[in-house]
Amino acid sequence: MPGFGGSVAAAKNQQKDEAATREKKAQEEIASFHALYTPQYFLSQTPAEVGGAAIPEWKRALAAKKLAEAAIQKEEERIMKELEEWKLSLVPNWKKTPAQQAKNLPAFSHK
């Protein structure tokens, strides 16, 4: 096994360390999105009036809060999906279910 120091135990420890590092990085990235995507960030994107009728400030604040929550959830799902795909790529094919193996097959191209 190239790059793992020669032993299986060392390779497993290296993978565990890398997994822990990636999980920590994912949690930090999620925390940064929580700090960035606040309702105040989205308040400017909500219209102040629709069809000439003014929208109450509380309603705009509620819409901004919902937009912030949706954006955070979307980013969390993206980050966690990337992390799970990476973890799955480390598992040998013989340990994967047929459905998991099918996801890793290259797409058939017509030429």
PDB file of N, CA and C in Angstrom:
ATOM      1  N   MET A   1       0.852  -1.191   0.000  1.00  0.00           N
ATOM      2  CA  MET A   1       0.000   0.000   0.000  1.00  0.00           C
ATOM      3  C   MET A   1       0.883   1.235   0.000  1.00  0.00           C
ATOM      4  N   PRO A   2       0.949   1.936  -1.084  1.00  0.00           N
ATOM      5  CA  PRO A   2       1.819   3.111  -1.141  1.00  0.00           C
ATOM      6  C   PRO A   2       1.281   4.254  -0.297  1.00  0.00           C
ATOM      7  N   GLY A   3       2.200   4.915   0.382  1.00  0.00           N
ATOM      8  CA  GLY A   3       1.839   6.107   1.123  1.00  0.00           C
ATOM      9  C   GLY A   3       1.248   5.854   2.495  1.00  0.00           C
ATOM     10  N   PHE A   4       1.198   4.585   2.947  1.00  0.00           N
ATOM     11  CA  PHE A   4       0.593   4.312   4.244  1.00  0.00           C
ATOM     12  C   PHE A   4       1.613   3.858   5.281  1.00  0.00           C
ATOM     13  N   GLY A   5       2.876   3.827   4.940  1.00  0.00           N
ATOM     14  CA  GLY A   5       3.877   3.469   5.914  1.00  0.00           C
ATOM     15  C   GLY A   5       4.097   1.975   6.022  1.00  0.00           C
ATOM     16  N   GLY A   6       3.438   1.162   5.202  1.00  0.00           N
ATOM     17  CA  GLY A   6       3.737  -0.254   5.147  1.00  0.00           C
ATOM     18  C   GLY A   6       2.793  -1.174   5.885  1.00  0.00           C
ATOM     19  N   SER A   7       2.229  -0.791   7.006  1.00  0.00           N
ATOM     20  CA  SER A   7       1.388  -1.715   7.754  1.00  0.00           C
ATOM     21  C   SER A   7      -0.084  -1.366   7.621  1.00  0.00           C
ATOM     22  N   VAL A   8      -0.892  -2.395   7.794  1.00  0.00           N
ATOM     23  CA  VAL A   8      -2.340  -2.208   7.701  1.00  0.00           C
ATOM     24  C   VAL A   8      -2.833  -1.344   8.858  1.00  0.00           C
ATOM     25  N   ALA A   9      -2.275  -1.554  10.030  1.00  0.00           N
ATOM     26  CA  ALA A   9      -2.672  -0.766  11.195  1.00  0.00           C
ATOM     27  C   ALA A   9      -2.372   0.717  10.986  1.00  0.00           C
ATOM     28  N   ALA A  10      -1.213   0.997  10.410  1.00  0.00           N
ATOM     29  CA  ALA A  10      -0.853   2.397  10.148  1.00  0.00           C
ATOM     30  C   ALA A  10      -1.799   3.015   9.133  1.00  0.00           C
ATOM     31  N   ALA A  11      -2.179   2.218   8.121  1.00  0.00           N
ATOM     32  CA  ALA A  11      -3.106   2.717   7.104  1.00  0.00           C
ATOM     33  C   ALA A  11      -4.466   3.021   7.717  1.00  0.00           C
ATOM     34  N   LYS A  12      -4.949   2.141   8.568  1.00  0.00           N
ATOM     35  CA  LYS A  12      -6.249   2.360   9.215  1.00  0.00           C
ATOM     36  C   LYS A  12      -6.204   3.583  10.120  1.00  0.00           C
ATOM     37  N   ASN A  13      -5.104   3.725  10.864  1.00  0.00           N
ATOM     38  CA  ASN A  13      -4.981   4.898  11.735  1.00  0.00           C
ATOM     39  C   ASN A  13      -4.938   6.185  10.920  1.00  0.00           C
ATOM     40  N   GLN A  14      -4.257   6.148   9.791  1.00  0.00           N
ATOM     41  CA  GLN A  14      -4.188   7.332   8.942  1.00  0.00           C
ATOM     42  C   GLN A  14      -5.570   7.678   8.392  1.00  0.00           C
ATOM     43  N   GLN A  15      -6.332   6.664   7.983  1.00  0.00           N
ATOM     44  CA  GLN A  15      -7.688   6.912   7.484  1.00  0.00           C
ATOM     45  C   GLN A  15      -8.583   7.473   8.579  1.00  0.00           C
ATOM     46  N   LYS A  16      -8.451   6.930   9.797  1.00  0.00           N
ATOM     47  CA  LYS A  16      -9.250   7.439  10.922  1.00  0.00           C
ATOM     48  C   LYS A  16      -8.914   8.898  11.211  1.00  0.00           C
ATOM     49  N   ASP A  17      -7.620   9.203  11.195  1.00  0.00           N
ATOM     50  CA  ASP A  17      -7.198  10.585  11.437  1.00  0.00           C
ATOM     51  C   ASP A  17      -7.725  11.519  10.356  1.00  0.00           C
ATOM     52  N   GLU A  18      -7.637  11.082   9.098  1.00  0.00           N
ATOM     53  CA  GLU A  18      -8.132  11.920   8.002  1.00  0.00           C
ATOM     54  C   GLU A  18      -9.643  12.090   8.087  1.00  0.00           C
ATOM     55  N   ALA A  19     -10.350  11.027   8.473  1.00  0.00           N
ATOM     56  CA  ALA A  19     -11.808  11.128   8.622  1.00  0.00           C
ATOM     57  C   ALA A  19     -12.166  12.117   9.724  1.00  0.00           C
ATOM     58  N   ALA A  20     -11.449  12.052  10.839  1.00  0.00           N
ATOM     59  CA  ALA A  20     -11.707  12.978  11.941  1.00  0.00           C
ATOM     60  C   ALA A  20     -11.421  14.413  11.505  1.00  0.00           C
ATOM     61  N   THR A  21     -10.355  14.606  10.749  1.00  0.00           N
ATOM     62  CA  THR A  21      -9.996  15.940  10.262  1.00  0.00           C
ATOM     63  C   THR A  21     -11.073  16.477   9.317  1.00  0.00           C
ATOM     64  N   ARG A  22     -11.533  15.618   8.410  1.00  0.00           N
ATOM     65  CA  ARG A  22     -12.571  16.052   7.466  1.00  0.00           C
ATOM     66  C   ARG A  22     -13.888  16.347   8.171  1.00  0.00           C
ATOM     67  N   GLU A  23     -14.240  15.541   9.179  1.00  0.00           N
ATOM     68  CA  GLU A  23     -15.470  15.796   9.931  1.00  0.00           C
ATOM     69  C   GLU A  23     -15.378  17.125  10.678  1.00  0.00           C
ATOM     70  N   LYS A  24     -14.227  17.392  11.265  1.00  0.00           N
ATOM     71  CA  LYS A  24     -14.034  18.659  11.972  1.00  0.00           C
ATOM     72  C   LYS A  24     -14.140  19.832  10.999  1.00  0.00           C
ATOM     73  N   LYS A  25     -13.522  19.679   9.826  1.00  0.00           N
ATOM     74  CA  LYS A  25     -13.582  20.729   8.810  1.00  0.00           C
ATOM     75  C   LYS A  25     -15.020  20.956   8.351  1.00  0.00           C
ATOM     76  N   ALA A  26     -15.779  19.865   8.190  1.00  0.00           N
ATOM     77  CA  ALA A  26     -17.185  19.982   7.782  1.00  0.00           C
ATOM     78  C   ALA A  26     -17.990  20.730   8.846  1.00  0.00           C
ATOM     79  N   GLN A  27     -17.757  20.415  10.121  1.00  0.00           N
ATOM     80  CA  GLN A  27     -18.474  21.102  11.193  1.00  0.00           C
ATOM     81  C   GLN A  27     -18.106  22.590  11.242  1.00  0.00           C
ATOM     82  N   GLU A  28     -16.845  22.903  10.988  1.00  0.00           N
ATOM     83  CA  GLU A  28     -16.424  24.305  10.962  1.00  0.00           C
ATOM     84  C   GLU A  28     -17.081  25.043   9.795  1.00  0.00           C
ATOM     85  N   GLU A  29     -17.168  24.365   8.650  1.00  0.00           N
ATOM     86  CA  GLU A  29     -17.799  24.970   7.479  1.00  0.00           C
ATOM     87  C   GLU A  29     -19.286  25.224   7.737  1.00  0.00           C
ATOM     88  N   ILE A  30     -19.947  24.280   8.390  1.00  0.00           N
ATOM     89  CA  ILE A  30     -21.356  24.443   8.726  1.00  0.00           C
ATOM     90  C   ILE A  30     -21.528  25.610   9.696  1.00  0.00           C
ATOM     91  N   ALA A  31     -20.631  25.705  10.670  1.00  0.00           N
ATOM     92  CA  ALA A  31     -20.701  26.817  11.636  1.00  0.00           C
ATOM     93  C   ALA A  31     -20.514  28.160  10.923  1.00  0.00           C
ATOM     94  N   SER A  32     -19.641  28.191   9.922  1.00  0.00           N
ATOM     95  CA  SER A  32     -19.438  29.451   9.197  1.00  0.00           C
ATOM     96  C   SER A  32     -20.695  29.838   8.417  1.00  0.00           C
ATOM     97  N   PHE A  33     -21.417  28.842   7.883  1.00  0.00           N
ATOM     98  CA  PHE A  33     -22.665  29.149   7.187  1.00  0.00           C
ATOM     99  C   PHE A  33     -23.732  29.643   8.162  1.00  0.00           C
ATOM    100  N   HIS A  34     -23.740  29.095   9.376  1.00  0.00           N
ATOM    101  CA  HIS A  34     -24.678  29.584  10.388  1.00  0.00           C
ATOM    102  C   HIS A  34     -24.397  31.053  10.707  1.00  0.00           C
ATOM    103  N   ALA A  35     -23.122  31.408  10.755  1.00  0.00           N
ATOM    104  CA  ALA A  35     -22.758  32.794  11.051  1.00  0.00           C
ATOM    105  C   ALA A  35     -23.068  33.714   9.873  1.00  0.00           C
ATOM    106  N   LEU A  36     -22.897  33.213   8.654  1.00  0.00           N
ATOM    107  CA  LEU A  36     -23.105  34.041   7.464  1.00  0.00           C
ATOM    108  C   LEU A  36     -24.584  34.204   7.133  1.00  0.00           C
ATOM    109  N   TYR A  37     -25.308  33.119   7.106  1.00  0.00           N
ATOM    110  CA  TYR A  37     -26.707  33.137   6.662  1.00  0.00           C
ATOM    111  C   TYR A  37     -27.648  33.456   7.819  1.00  0.00           C
ATOM    112  N   THR A  38     -27.645  34.695   8.210  1.00  0.00           N
ATOM    113  CA  THR A  38     -28.553  35.170   9.258  1.00  0.00           C
ATOM    114  C   THR A  38     -29.780  35.786   8.593  1.00  0.00           C
ATOM    115  N   PRO A  39     -30.862  35.947   9.338  1.00  0.00           N
ATOM    116  CA  PRO A  39     -32.030  36.615   8.756  1.00  0.00           C
ATOM    117  C   PRO A  39     -31.701  38.021   8.242  1.00  0.00           C
ATOM    118  N   GLN A  40     -30.784  38.718   8.893  1.00  0.00           N
ATOM    119  CA  GLN A  40     -30.404  40.061   8.441  1.00  0.00           C
ATOM    120  C   GLN A  40     -29.762  40.019   7.059  1.00  0.00           C
ATOM    121  N   TYR A  41     -29.032  38.934   6.773  1.00  0.00           N
ATOM    122  CA  TYR A  41     -28.391  38.769   5.484  1.00  0.00           C
ATOM    123  C   TYR A  41     -29.433  38.678   4.373  1.00  0.00           C
ATOM    124  N   PHE A  42     -30.561  38.029   4.657  1.00  0.00           N
ATOM    125  CA  PHE A  42     -31.602  37.826   3.653  1.00  0.00           C
ATOM    126  C   PHE A  42     -32.689  38.894   3.672  1.00  0.00           C
ATOM    127  N   LEU A  43     -32.685  39.773   4.671  1.00  0.00           N
ATOM    128  CA  LEU A  43     -33.722  40.799   4.769  1.00  0.00           C
ATOM    129  C   LEU A  43     -33.704  41.733   3.562  1.00  0.00           C
ATOM    130  N   SER A  44     -32.526  42.022   3.056  1.00  0.00           N
ATOM    131  CA  SER A  44     -32.443  42.913   1.891  1.00  0.00           C
ATOM    132  C   SER A  44     -32.977  42.243   0.626  1.00  0.00           C
ATOM    133  N   GLN A  45     -33.081  40.911   0.628  1.00  0.00           N
ATOM    134  CA  GLN A  45     -33.567  40.186  -0.535  1.00  0.00           C
ATOM    135  C   GLN A  45     -35.088  40.003  -0.534  1.00  0.00           C
ATOM    136  N   THR A  46     -35.725  40.378   0.556  1.00  0.00           N
ATOM    137  CA  THR A  46     -37.179  40.283   0.611  1.00  0.00           C
ATOM    138  C   THR A  46     -37.774  41.614   0.163  1.00  0.00           C
ATOM    139  N   PRO A  47     -38.798  41.566  -0.668  1.00  0.00           N
ATOM    140  CA  PRO A  47     -39.361  42.821  -1.180  1.00  0.00           C
ATOM    141  C   PRO A  47     -40.069  43.622  -0.084  1.00  0.00           C
ATOM    142  N   ALA A  48     -39.984  44.937  -0.182  1.00  0.00           N
ATOM    143  CA  ALA A  48     -40.640  45.812   0.789  1.00  0.00           C
ATOM    144  C   ALA A  48     -42.108  46.012   0.439  1.00  0.00           C
ATOM    145  N   GLU A  49     -42.432  45.825  -0.832  1.00  0.00           N
ATOM    146  CA  GLU A  49     -43.826  45.942  -1.250  1.00  0.00           C
ATOM    147  C   GLU A  49     -44.084  45.029  -2.440  1.00  0.00           C
ATOM    148  N   VAL A  50     -45.334  44.598  -2.537  1.00  0.00           N
ATOM    149  CA  VAL A  50     -45.743  43.742  -3.643  1.00  0.00           C
ATOM    150  C   VAL A  50     -47.007  44.339  -4.242  1.00  0.00           C
ATOM    151  N   GLY A  51     -46.953  44.650  -5.498  1.00  0.00           N
ATOM    152  CA  GLY A  51     -48.122  45.213  -6.181  1.00  0.00           C
ATOM    153  C   GLY A  51     -48.573  46.541  -5.600  1.00  0.00           C
ATOM    154  N   GLY A  52     -47.653  47.316  -5.078  1.00  0.00           N
ATOM    155  CA  GLY A  52     -47.989  48.616  -4.520  1.00  0.00           C
ATOM    156  C   GLY A  52     -48.380  48.566  -3.055  1.00  0.00           C
ATOM    157  N   ALA A  53     -48.646  47.380  -2.500  1.00  0.00           N
ATOM    158  CA  ALA A  53     -48.997  47.248  -1.081  1.00  0.00           C
ATOM    159  C   ALA A  53     -47.737  46.941  -0.279  1.00  0.00           C
ATOM    160  N   ALA A  54     -47.548  47.683   0.800  1.00  0.00           N
ATOM    161  CA  ALA A  54     -46.368  47.505   1.650  1.00  0.00           C
ATOM    162  C   ALA A  54     -46.484  46.197   2.438  1.00  0.00           C
ATOM    163  N   ILE A  55     -45.369  45.513   2.571  1.00  0.00           N
ATOM    164  CA  ILE A  55     -45.323  44.283   3.370  1.00  0.00           C
ATOM    165  C   ILE A  55     -44.868  44.678   4.773  1.00  0.00           C
ATOM    166  N   PRO A  56     -45.601  44.246   5.805  1.00  0.00           N
ATOM    167  CA  PRO A  56     -45.192  44.588   7.170  1.00  0.00           C
ATOM    168  C   PRO A  56     -43.785  44.077   7.478  1.00  0.00           C
ATOM    169  N   GLU A  57     -43.093  44.803   8.327  1.00  0.00           N
ATOM    170  CA  GLU A  57     -41.712  44.457   8.660  1.00  0.00           C
ATOM    171  C   GLU A  57     -41.616  43.064   9.297  1.00  0.00           C
ATOM    172  N   TRP A  58     -42.590  42.709  10.136  1.00  0.00           N
ATOM    173  CA  TRP A  58     -42.550  41.397  10.793  1.00  0.00           C
ATOM    174  C   TRP A  58     -42.661  40.262   9.761  1.00  0.00           C
ATOM    175  N   LYS A  59     -43.427  40.527   8.698  1.00  0.00           N
ATOM    176  CA  LYS A  59     -43.599  39.504   7.664  1.00  0.00           C
ATOM    177  C   LYS A  59     -42.321  39.363   6.830  1.00  0.00           C
ATOM    178  N   ARG A  60     -41.671  40.479   6.557  1.00  0.00           N
ATOM    179  CA  ARG A  60     -40.406  40.431   5.845  1.00  0.00           C
ATOM    180  C   ARG A  60     -39.346  39.720   6.680  1.00  0.00           C
ATOM    181  N   ALA A  61     -39.356  39.991   7.998  1.00  0.00           N
ATOM    182  CA  ALA A  61     -38.396  39.337   8.898  1.00  0.00           C
ATOM    183  C   ALA A  61     -38.638  37.825   8.942  1.00  0.00           C
ATOM    184  N   LEU A  62     -39.897  37.431   8.945  1.00  0.00           N
ATOM    185  CA  LEU A  62     -40.229  36.009   8.949  1.00  0.00           C
ATOM    186  C   LEU A  62     -39.781  35.343   7.651  1.00  0.00           C
ATOM    187  N   ALA A  63     -40.009  36.009   6.530  1.00  0.00           N
ATOM    188  CA  ALA A  63     -39.579  35.474   5.236  1.00  0.00           C
ATOM    189  C   ALA A  63     -38.050  35.357   5.190  1.00  0.00           C
ATOM    190  N   ALA A  64     -37.353  36.356   5.723  1.00  0.00           N
ATOM    191  CA  ALA A  64     -35.890  36.326   5.744  1.00  0.00           C
ATOM    192  C   ALA A  64     -35.387  35.187   6.625  1.00  0.00           C
ATOM    193  N   LYS A  65     -36.062  34.955   7.744  1.00  0.00           N
ATOM    194  CA  LYS A  65     -35.682  33.858   8.644  1.00  0.00           C
ATOM    195  C   LYS A  65     -35.851  32.514   7.931  1.00  0.00           C
ATOM    196  N   LYS A  66     -36.946  32.350   7.198  1.00  0.00           N
ATOM    197  CA  LYS A  66     -37.185  31.104   6.471  1.00  0.00           C
ATOM    198  C   LYS A  66     -36.151  30.904   5.367  1.00  0.00           C
ATOM    199  N   LEU A  67     -35.796  31.977   4.673  1.00  0.00           N
ATOM    200  CA  LEU A  67     -34.760  31.898   3.643  1.00  0.00           C
ATOM    201  C   LEU A  67     -33.416  31.488   4.246  1.00  0.00           C
ATOM    202  N   ALA A  68     -33.084  32.063   5.402  1.00  0.00           N
ATOM    203  CA  ALA A  68     -31.815  31.739   6.069  1.00  0.00           C
ATOM    204  C   ALA A  68     -31.792  30.271   6.482  1.00  0.00           C
ATOM    205  N   GLU A  69     -32.890  29.794   7.074  1.00  0.00           N
ATOM    206  CA  GLU A  69     -32.951  28.398   7.498  1.00  0.00           C
ATOM    207  C   GLU A  69     -32.846  27.445   6.309  1.00  0.00           C
ATOM    208  N   ALA A  70     -33.495  27.789   5.206  1.00  0.00           N
ATOM    209  CA  ALA A  70     -33.441  26.942   4.017  1.00  0.00           C
ATOM    210  C   ALA A  70     -32.028  26.912   3.432  1.00  0.00           C
ATOM    211  N   ALA A  71     -31.367  28.051   3.403  1.00  0.00           N
ATOM    212  CA  ALA A  71     -30.004  28.110   2.864  1.00  0.00           C
ATOM    213  C   ALA A  71     -29.038  27.312   3.735  1.00  0.00           C
ATOM    214  N   ILE A  72     -29.192  27.416   5.044  1.00  0.00           N
ATOM    215  CA  ILE A  72     -28.329  26.670   5.956  1.00  0.00           C
ATOM    216  C   ILE A  72     -28.557  25.175   5.789  1.00  0.00           C
ATOM    217  N   GLN A  73     -29.813  24.770   5.708  1.00  0.00           N
ATOM    218  CA  GLN A  73     -30.123  23.354   5.557  1.00  0.00           C
ATOM    219  C   GLN A  73     -29.562  22.804   4.245  1.00  0.00           C
ATOM    220  N   LYS A  74     -29.679  23.577   3.183  1.00  0.00           N
ATOM    221  CA  LYS A  74     -29.155  23.145   1.880  1.00  0.00           C
ATOM    222  C   LYS A  74     -27.643  22.953   1.940  1.00  0.00           C
ATOM    223  N   GLU A  75     -26.935  23.888   2.558  1.00  0.00           N
ATOM    224  CA  GLU A  75     -25.481  23.793   2.664  1.00  0.00           C
ATOM    225  C   GLU A  75     -25.072  22.628   3.572  1.00  0.00           C
ATOM    226  N   GLU A  76     -25.798  22.437   4.691  1.00  0.00           N
ATOM    227  CA  GLU A  76     -25.497  21.316   5.580  1.00  0.00           C
ATOM    228  C   GLU A  76     -25.646  19.987   4.849  1.00  0.00           C
ATOM    229  N   GLU A  77     -26.723  19.855   4.078  1.00  0.00           N
ATOM    230  CA  GLU A  77     -26.954  18.622   3.337  1.00  0.00           C
ATOM    231  C   GLU A  77     -25.859  18.394   2.295  1.00  0.00           C
ATOM    232  N   ARG A  78     -25.438  19.457   1.626  1.00  0.00           N
ATOM    233  CA  ARG A  78     -24.384  19.333   0.620  1.00  0.00           C
ATOM    234  C   ARG A  78     -23.074  18.885   1.267  1.00  0.00           C
ATOM    235  N   ILE A  79     -22.709  19.506   2.374  1.00  0.00           N
ATOM    236  CA  ILE A  79     -21.458  19.191   3.057  1.00  0.00           C
ATOM    237  C   ILE A  79     -21.470  17.757   3.586  1.00  0.00           C
ATOM    238  N   MET A  80     -22.584  17.365   4.202  1.00  0.00           N
ATOM    239  CA  MET A  80     -22.669  16.020   4.755  1.00  0.00           C
ATOM    240  C   MET A  80     -22.691  14.967   3.650  1.00  0.00           C
ATOM    241  N   LYS A  81     -23.313  15.272   2.524  1.00  0.00           N
ATOM    242  CA  LYS A  81     -23.331  14.341   1.404  1.00  0.00           C
ATOM    243  C   LYS A  81     -21.918  14.134   0.871  1.00  0.00           C
ATOM    244  N   GLU A  82     -21.166  15.219   0.726  1.00  0.00           N
ATOM    245  CA  GLU A  82     -19.782  15.114   0.261  1.00  0.00           C
ATOM    246  C   GLU A  82     -18.949  14.275   1.225  1.00  0.00           C
ATOM    247  N   LEU A  83     -19.159  14.474   2.531  1.00  0.00           N
ATOM    248  CA  LEU A  83     -18.416  13.718   3.539  1.00  0.00           C
ATOM    249  C   LEU A  83     -18.777  12.231   3.467  1.00  0.00           C
ATOM    250  N   GLU A  84     -20.054  11.930   3.337  1.00  0.00           N
ATOM    251  CA  GLU A  84     -20.481  10.531   3.256  1.00  0.00           C
ATOM    252  C   GLU A  84     -19.957   9.861   1.984  1.00  0.00           C
ATOM    253  N   GLU A  85     -19.951  10.589   0.866  1.00  0.00           N
ATOM    254  CA  GLU A  85     -19.408  10.034  -0.372  1.00  0.00           C
ATOM    255  C   GLU A  85     -17.930   9.739  -0.233  1.00  0.00           C
ATOM    256  N   TRP A  86     -17.206  10.611   0.438  1.00  0.00           N
ATOM    257  CA  TRP A  86     -15.786  10.383   0.653  1.00  0.00           C
ATOM    258  C   TRP A  86     -15.578   9.149   1.529  1.00  0.00           C
ATOM    259  N   LYS A  87     -16.349   9.042   2.611  1.00  0.00           N
ATOM    260  CA  LYS A  87     -16.229   7.880   3.490  1.00  0.00           C
ATOM    261  C   LYS A  87     -16.537   6.590   2.734  1.00  0.00           C
ATOM    262  N   LEU A  88     -17.563   6.628   1.900  1.00  0.00           N
ATOM    263  CA  LEU A  88     -17.951   5.455   1.133  1.00  0.00           C
ATOM    264  C   LEU A  88     -16.862   5.068   0.136  1.00  0.00           C
ATOM    265  N   SER A  89     -16.130   6.057  -0.368  1.00  0.00           N
ATOM    266  CA  SER A  89     -15.065   5.751  -1.323  1.00  0.00           C
ATOM    267  C   SER A  89     -13.921   4.983  -0.669  1.00  0.00           C
ATOM    268  N   LEU A  90     -13.804   5.056   0.657  1.00  0.00           N
ATOM    269  CA  LEU A  90     -12.747   4.347   1.366  1.00  0.00           C
ATOM    270  C   LEU A  90     -13.086   2.879   1.607  1.00  0.00           C
ATOM    271  N   VAL A  91     -14.355   2.535   1.563  1.00  0.00           N
ATOM    272  CA  VAL A  91     -14.792   1.166   1.833  1.00  0.00           C
ATOM    273  C   VAL A  91     -14.481   0.292   0.615  1.00  0.00           C
ATOM    274  N   PRO A  92     -13.882  -0.873   0.833  1.00  0.00           N
ATOM    275  CA  PRO A  92     -13.609  -1.762  -0.302  1.00  0.00           C
ATOM    276  C   PRO A  92     -14.907  -2.257  -0.933  1.00  0.00           C
ATOM    277  N   ASN A  93     -14.874  -2.533  -2.224  1.00  0.00           N
ATOM    278  CA  ASN A  93     -16.076  -2.955  -2.944  1.00  0.00           C
ATOM    279  C   ASN A  93     -16.723  -4.198  -2.361  1.00  0.00           C
ATOM    280  N   TRP A  94     -15.931  -5.125  -1.861  1.00  0.00           N
ATOM    281  CA  TRP A  94     -16.510  -6.358  -1.350  1.00  0.00           C
ATOM    282  C   TRP A  94     -17.344  -6.134  -0.094  1.00  0.00           C
ATOM    283  N   LYS A  95     -17.156  -4.994   0.584  1.00  0.00           N
ATOM    284  CA  LYS A  95     -17.951  -4.682   1.772  1.00  0.00           C
ATOM    285  C   LYS A  95     -19.218  -3.894   1.444  1.00  0.00           C
ATOM    286  N   LYS A  96     -19.286  -3.369   0.232  1.00  0.00           N
ATOM    287  CA  LYS A  96     -20.419  -2.522  -0.147  1.00  0.00           C
ATOM    288  C   LYS A  96     -21.607  -3.368  -0.578  1.00  0.00           C
ATOM    289  N   THR A  97     -22.797  -2.796  -0.389  1.00  0.00           N
ATOM    290  CA  THR A  97     -24.006  -3.435  -0.895  1.00  0.00           C
ATOM    291  C   THR A  97     -24.039  -3.253  -2.409  1.00  0.00           C
ATOM    292  N   PRO A  98     -24.835  -4.064  -3.121  1.00  0.00           N
ATOM    293  CA  PRO A  98     -24.919  -3.885  -4.576  1.00  0.00           C
ATOM    294  C   PRO A  98     -25.352  -2.473  -4.988  1.00  0.00           C
ATOM    295  N   ALA A  99     -26.239  -1.868  -4.214  1.00  0.00           N
ATOM    296  CA  ALA A  99     -26.675  -0.501  -4.539  1.00  0.00           C
ATOM    297  C   ALA A  99     -25.512   0.483  -4.395  1.00  0.00           C
ATOM    298  N   GLN A 100     -24.694   0.307  -3.363  1.00  0.00           N
ATOM    299  CA  GLN A 100     -23.544   1.181  -3.179  1.00  0.00           C
ATOM    300  C   GLN A 100     -22.510   0.967  -4.283  1.00  0.00           C
ATOM    301  N   GLN A 101     -22.337  -0.285  -4.704  1.00  0.00           N
ATOM    302  CA  GLN A 101     -21.396  -0.570  -5.772  1.00  0.00           C
ATOM    303  C   GLN A 101     -21.853   0.053  -7.085  1.00  0.00           C
ATOM    304  N   ALA A 102     -23.153   0.055  -7.337  1.00  0.00           N
ATOM    305  CA  ALA A 102     -23.686   0.609  -8.578  1.00  0.00           C
ATOM    306  C   ALA A 102     -23.429   2.113  -8.665  1.00  0.00           C
ATOM    307  N   LYS A 103     -23.415   2.800  -7.533  1.00  0.00           N
ATOM    308  CA  LYS A 103     -23.167   4.236  -7.531  1.00  0.00           C
ATOM    309  C   LYS A 103     -21.742   4.559  -7.979  1.00  0.00           C
ATOM    310  N   ASN A 104     -20.814   3.651  -7.745  1.00  0.00           N
ATOM    311  CA  ASN A 104     -19.407   3.900  -8.079  1.00  0.00           C
ATOM    312  C   ASN A 104     -19.027   3.467  -9.487  1.00  0.00           C
ATOM    313  N   LEU A 105     -19.930   2.835 -10.208  1.00  0.00           N
ATOM    314  CA  LEU A 105     -19.623   2.394 -11.570  1.00  0.00           C
ATOM    315  C   LEU A 105     -19.570   3.592 -12.507  1.00  0.00           C
ATOM    316  N   PRO A 106     -18.640   3.585 -13.459  1.00  0.00           N
ATOM    317  CA  PRO A 106     -18.602   4.693 -14.420  1.00  0.00           C
ATOM    318  C   PRO A 106     -19.804   4.626 -15.342  1.00  0.00           C
ATOM    319  N   ALA A 107     -20.260   5.775 -15.765  1.00  0.00           N
ATOM    320  CA  ALA A 107     -21.425   5.853 -16.647  1.00  0.00           C
ATOM    321  C   ALA A 107     -21.064   5.292 -18.028  1.00  0.00           C
ATOM    322  N   PHE A 108     -21.978   4.587 -18.623  1.00  0.00           N
ATOM    323  CA  PHE A 108     -21.769   4.011 -19.941  1.00  0.00           C
ATOM    324  C   PHE A 108     -21.990   5.119 -20.965  1.00  0.00           C
ATOM    325  N   SER A 109     -21.024   5.282 -21.843  1.00  0.00           N
ATOM    326  CA  SER A 109     -21.158   6.343 -22.846  1.00  0.00           C
ATOM    327  C   SER A 109     -21.304   5.733 -24.216  1.00  0.00           C
ATOM    328  N   HIS A 110     -22.168   6.322 -25.037  1.00  0.00           N
ATOM    329  CA  HIS A 110     -22.375   5.894 -26.415  1.00  0.00           C
ATOM    330  C   HIS A 110     -21.474   6.737 -27.308  1.00  0.00           C
ATOM    331  N   LYS A 111     -20.771   6.066 -28.165  1.00  0.00           N
ATOM    332  CA  LYS A 111     -19.898   6.808 -29.083  1.00  0.00           C
ATOM    333  C   LYS A 111     -20.265   6.508 -30.494  1.00  0.00           C
TER     334      LYS A 111
END
